[in-house]
Protein backbone atom coordinates (compact mmCIF):
# COMPACT_ATOMS: atom_id res chain seq x y z
CA UNK A 1 0.24 0.00 -0.11
CA UNK A 2 1.30 3.35 -1.00
CA UNK A 3 0.43 6.58 0.59
CA UNK A 4 0.27 9.97 -0.89
CA UNK A 5 0.67 12.94 1.64
CA UNK A 6 -0.70 16.32 1.03
CA UNK A 7 -1.80 19.48 2.94
CA UNK A 8 -3.86 22.38 2.57
CA UNK A 9 -1.07 24.56 0.92
CA UNK A 10 -0.56 22.59 -2.41
CA UNK A 11 -2.01 23.97 -5.76
CA UNK A 12 -3.45 27.45 -4.95
CA UNK A 13 -5.42 28.91 -7.28
CA UNK A 14 -4.83 32.85 -8.40
CA UNK A 15 -6.68 33.99 -5.21
CA UNK A 16 -4.35 32.08 -3.22
CA UNK A 17 -7.07 29.31 -2.01
CA UNK A 18 -5.63 25.95 -2.06
CA UNK A 19 -7.50 23.30 -4.29
CA UNK A 20 -7.58 19.46 -4.35
CA UNK A 21 -9.05 17.58 -7.28
CA UNK A 22 -12.01 15.05 -6.51
CA UNK A 23 -10.21 12.11 -7.23
CA UNK A 24 -7.58 12.59 -4.95
CA UNK A 25 -9.74 12.77 -1.86
CA UNK A 26 -10.87 9.21 -2.56
CA UNK A 27 -14.79 10.44 -2.74
CA UNK A 28 -17.30 8.27 -3.76
CA UNK A 29 -19.46 9.20 -6.76
CA UNK A 30 -22.57 10.29 -4.45
CA UNK A 31 -20.37 12.44 -2.43
CA UNK A 32 -18.86 14.28 -5.65
CA UNK A 33 -22.34 14.70 -7.10
CA UNK A 34 -23.57 16.61 -4.06
CA UNK A 35 -20.95 18.83 -4.24
CA UNK A 36 -22.34 21.33 -6.64
CA UNK A 37 -25.66 21.17 -4.64
CA UNK A 38 -23.62 22.09 -1.65
CA UNK A 39 -21.85 24.69 -3.28
CA UNK A 40 -25.00 26.31 -4.47
CA UNK A 41 -26.44 26.45 -1.12
CA UNK A 42 -23.32 28.25 0.46
CA UNK A 43 -23.06 30.85 -2.66
CA UNK A 44 -26.83 31.82 -1.74
CA UNK A 45 -26.39 31.85 2.12
CA UNK A 46 -23.07 34.05 1.56
CA UNK A 47 -24.69 36.12 -1.26
CA UNK A 48 -28.72 35.84 -1.16
CA UNK A 49 -29.23 37.91 -4.12
CA UNK A 50 -27.90 35.19 -5.78
CA UNK A 51 -30.77 33.09 -5.42
CA UNK A 52 -28.21 30.25 -5.89
CA UNK A 53 -30.59 28.08 -3.74
CA UNK A 54 -32.87 27.41 -6.60
CA UNK A 55 -29.89 25.88 -8.66
CA UNK A 56 -29.34 23.32 -5.50
CA UNK A 57 -32.78 22.03 -5.42
CA UNK A 58 -33.03 21.79 -9.44
CA UNK A 59 -29.63 20.36 -9.54
CA UNK A 60 -30.64 17.64 -7.07
CA UNK A 61 -34.10 17.06 -8.71
CA UNK A 62 -32.69 16.52 -11.99
CA UNK A 63 -29.77 14.01 -10.96
CA UNK A 64 -31.97 11.94 -8.27
CA UNK A 65 -35.90 12.69 -9.04
CA UNK A 66 -38.22 15.49 -7.34
CA UNK A 67 -39.07 13.01 -4.52
CA UNK A 68 -35.54 11.73 -3.47
CA UNK A 69 -33.27 14.44 -4.79
CA UNK A 70 -35.38 17.55 -3.18
CA UNK A 71 -35.51 15.66 0.37
CA UNK A 72 -31.57 15.03 -0.12
CA UNK A 73 -30.98 18.81 -0.83
CA UNK A 74 -33.22 19.73 2.22
CA UNK A 75 -30.65 17.52 4.54
CA UNK A 76 -27.90 19.18 2.94
CA UNK A 77 -28.91 22.44 3.51
CA UNK A 78 -29.22 22.03 7.23
CA UNK A 79 -25.41 21.21 6.76
CA UNK A 80 -24.65 24.17 4.79
CA UNK A 81 -26.86 26.60 7.09
CA UNK A 82 -25.32 25.70 10.18
CA UNK A 83 -21.82 25.87 8.74
CA UNK A 84 -22.38 29.51 7.25
CA UNK A 85 -23.80 30.46 10.65
CA UNK A 86 -19.97 29.17 12.27
CA UNK A 87 -18.02 30.74 9.69
CA UNK A 88 -19.95 33.32 7.35
CA UNK A 89 -17.69 35.29 5.19
CA UNK A 90 -14.53 33.26 6.29
CA UNK A 91 -15.77 30.04 4.24
CA UNK A 92 -14.07 29.83 0.84
CA UNK A 93 -15.89 27.70 -1.45
CA UNK A 94 -15.63 27.78 -5.42
CA UNK A 95 -18.19 29.15 -7.72
CA UNK A 96 -21.01 26.23 -8.69
CA UNK A 97 -20.99 27.84 -12.04
CA UNK A 98 -17.19 27.71 -12.57
CA UNK A 99 -16.32 24.78 -15.11
CA UNK A 100 -12.71 24.99 -14.26
CA UNK A 101 -13.16 24.56 -10.78
CA UNK A 102 -16.04 21.65 -11.18
CA UNK A 103 -13.57 18.82 -10.25
CA UNK A 104 -11.70 20.97 -7.64
CA UNK A 105 -12.17 21.63 -3.73
CA UNK A 106 -11.34 24.30 -1.68
CA UNK A 107 -9.78 23.56 1.34
CA UNK A 108 -13.01 24.35 3.24
CA UNK A 109 -14.79 22.18 1.00
CA UNK A 110 -12.38 19.30 1.18
CA UNK A 111 -12.96 19.61 5.19
CA UNK A 112 -16.82 19.47 5.03
CA UNK A 113 -17.28 17.00 2.56
CA UNK A 114 -14.80 14.78 3.92
CA UNK A 115 -16.75 15.04 7.39
CA UNK A 116 -19.76 13.51 5.77
CA UNK A 117 -17.55 11.03 3.67
CA UNK A 118 -16.42 9.67 7.19
CA UNK A 119 -19.72 9.99 8.96
CA UNK A 120 -21.26 8.00 6.08
CA UNK A 121 -18.76 5.13 7.37
CA UNK A 122 -18.87 5.45 11.13
CA UNK A 123 -15.61 6.66 11.10
CA UNK A 124 -15.65 8.67 14.05
CA UNK A 125 -12.01 9.81 14.88
CA UNK A 126 -11.63 11.01 11.28
CA UNK A 127 -15.21 12.82 10.90
CA UNK A 128 -13.77 14.45 14.01
CA UNK A 129 -10.85 15.82 12.81
CA UNK A 130 -12.56 17.01 9.24
CA UNK A 131 -14.93 18.86 11.40
CA UNK A 132 -12.47 20.82 13.13
CA UNK A 133 -10.78 21.70 9.72
CA UNK A 134 -14.09 22.87 8.39
CA UNK A 135 -15.15 24.85 11.90
CA UNK A 136 -11.71 25.95 13.19
CA UNK A 137 -11.55 23.59 15.77
CA UNK A 138 -15.02 24.03 16.89
CA UNK A 139 -17.13 20.91 17.98
CA UNK A 140 -20.54 22.31 17.15
CA UNK A 141 -23.26 19.96 18.44
CA UNK A 142 -25.78 21.69 15.53
CA UNK A 143 -23.31 20.86 12.76
CA UNK A 144 -22.65 17.47 14.03
CA UNK A 145 -26.15 16.84 14.18
CA UNK A 146 -26.83 18.02 10.70
CA UNK A 147 -24.15 16.09 9.29
CA UNK A 148 -25.11 13.00 11.00
CA UNK A 149 -28.88 13.11 9.92
CA UNK A 150 -27.56 13.42 6.55
CA UNK A 151 -25.10 10.79 6.62
CA UNK A 152 -27.56 8.36 8.35
CA UNK A 153 -30.31 8.87 5.55
CA UNK A 154 -27.68 8.28 2.77
CA UNK A 155 -24.91 5.88 4.14
CA UNK A 156 -22.16 4.79 1.88
CA UNK A 157 -23.25 1.39 2.06
CA UNK A 158 -26.45 2.56 0.21
CA UNK A 159 -25.84 5.53 -1.84
CA UNK A 160 -27.96 6.32 -5.10
CA UNK A 161 -24.82 6.77 -7.51
CA UNK A 162 -26.50 5.07 -10.07
CA UNK A 163 -29.90 6.65 -10.34
CA UNK A 164 -30.99 8.32 -13.55
CA UNK A 165 -32.66 11.65 -13.71
CA UNK A 166 -36.19 11.71 -12.81
CA UNK A 167 -36.19 8.24 -11.11
CA UNK A 168 -38.89 8.12 -8.21
CA UNK A 169 -36.86 5.68 -6.16
CA UNK A 170 -33.24 5.42 -5.52
CA UNK A 171 -31.69 2.51 -7.24
CA UNK A 172 -29.03 1.59 -4.67
CA UNK A 173 -25.82 -0.33 -5.39
CA UNK A 174 -22.87 -1.15 -3.03
CA UNK A 175 -19.77 1.04 -3.05
CA UNK A 176 -16.64 -0.08 -5.02
CA UNK A 177 -14.30 -1.34 -2.54
CA UNK A 178 -11.45 -0.92 -4.91
CA UNK A 179 -11.81 2.73 -4.88
CA UNK A 180 -9.20 4.90 -2.48
CA UNK A 181 -9.97 5.79 0.61
CA UNK A 182 -9.43 9.40 2.15
CA UNK A 183 -8.09 9.09 5.75
CA UNK A 184 -6.78 11.81 8.30
CA UNK A 185 -4.00 10.77 10.13
CA UNK A 186 -4.90 11.22 13.80
CA UNK A 187 -6.48 8.47 15.58
CA UNK A 188 -8.27 6.93 12.56
CA UNK A 189 -10.66 4.16 13.44
CA UNK A 190 -13.97 2.82 12.73
CA UNK A 191 -16.63 3.13 15.49
CA UNK A 192 -18.22 -0.32 15.61
CA UNK A 193 -21.11 1.22 17.70
CA UNK A 194 -21.94 3.83 15.38
CA UNK A 195 -21.30 7.57 15.30
CA UNK A 196 -22.93 9.88 17.58
CA UNK A 197 -22.83 13.55 18.57
CA UNK A 198 -21.30 12.40 21.85
CA UNK A 199 -18.61 10.61 20.42
CA UNK A 200 -17.62 13.30 17.84
CA UNK A 201 -17.82 15.87 20.45
CA UNK A 202 -15.19 14.44 22.17
CA UNK A 203 -11.99 16.29 23.58
CA UNK A 204 -9.68 17.30 20.92
CA UNK A 205 -7.26 19.57 22.80
CA UNK A 206 -4.43 17.51 22.09
CA UNK A 207 -5.04 16.91 18.43
CA UNK A 208 -1.88 17.68 16.39
CA UNK A 209 -1.71 19.65 13.18
CA UNK A 210 -4.54 17.82 10.50
CA UNK A 211 -3.08 17.17 7.08
CA UNK A 212 -5.26 14.94 4.85
CA UNK A 213 -3.60 11.81 3.79
CA UNK A 214 -4.93 9.63 0.38
CA UNK A 215 -4.36 6.05 0.88
CA UNK A 216 -4.41 3.62 -2.20
């Protein structure tokens, strides 16, 4: 097994924000697909005049159908809304309409999507590390709750990657076990009892500086 270690200082855009390729983070197809939806929500929250939330719901409905897609978008909005309340204008994300950034994530986007990635797999310690990256070290119970609710509704073992537009119900498939798995280096372990807000809120005062690590 080889490891590719990278941090949030690599590959800056012209504005100085670090960027990471979706493929390098080991995200599954479902997590890559929710990225534009999440971006539209964050843009709308940071710039209400953009009305970008309409594109978020439209994107989700077109990909997963009205019933499933709109419900998915609503639960993802709860994550975006709480993150915005915590971070405000300090959150840096890519423009959802920028085609050049479609397959890239800012460091803030990478942190929050990896938080959901680990929550969907009940990897408590890794989810806690990603949460700390997304919030600046705050174990916010409302964001944890929103993330867990989304993740429990859409776990990694059952994600609608292969749904066609306008499908009424998700057509679940098992994830590809051969794809890369993104990890965080400090205390990575699975939680056999399942993830909970109490587990994620554990003291992290001794947490070392976090770097993302891709394991292949």
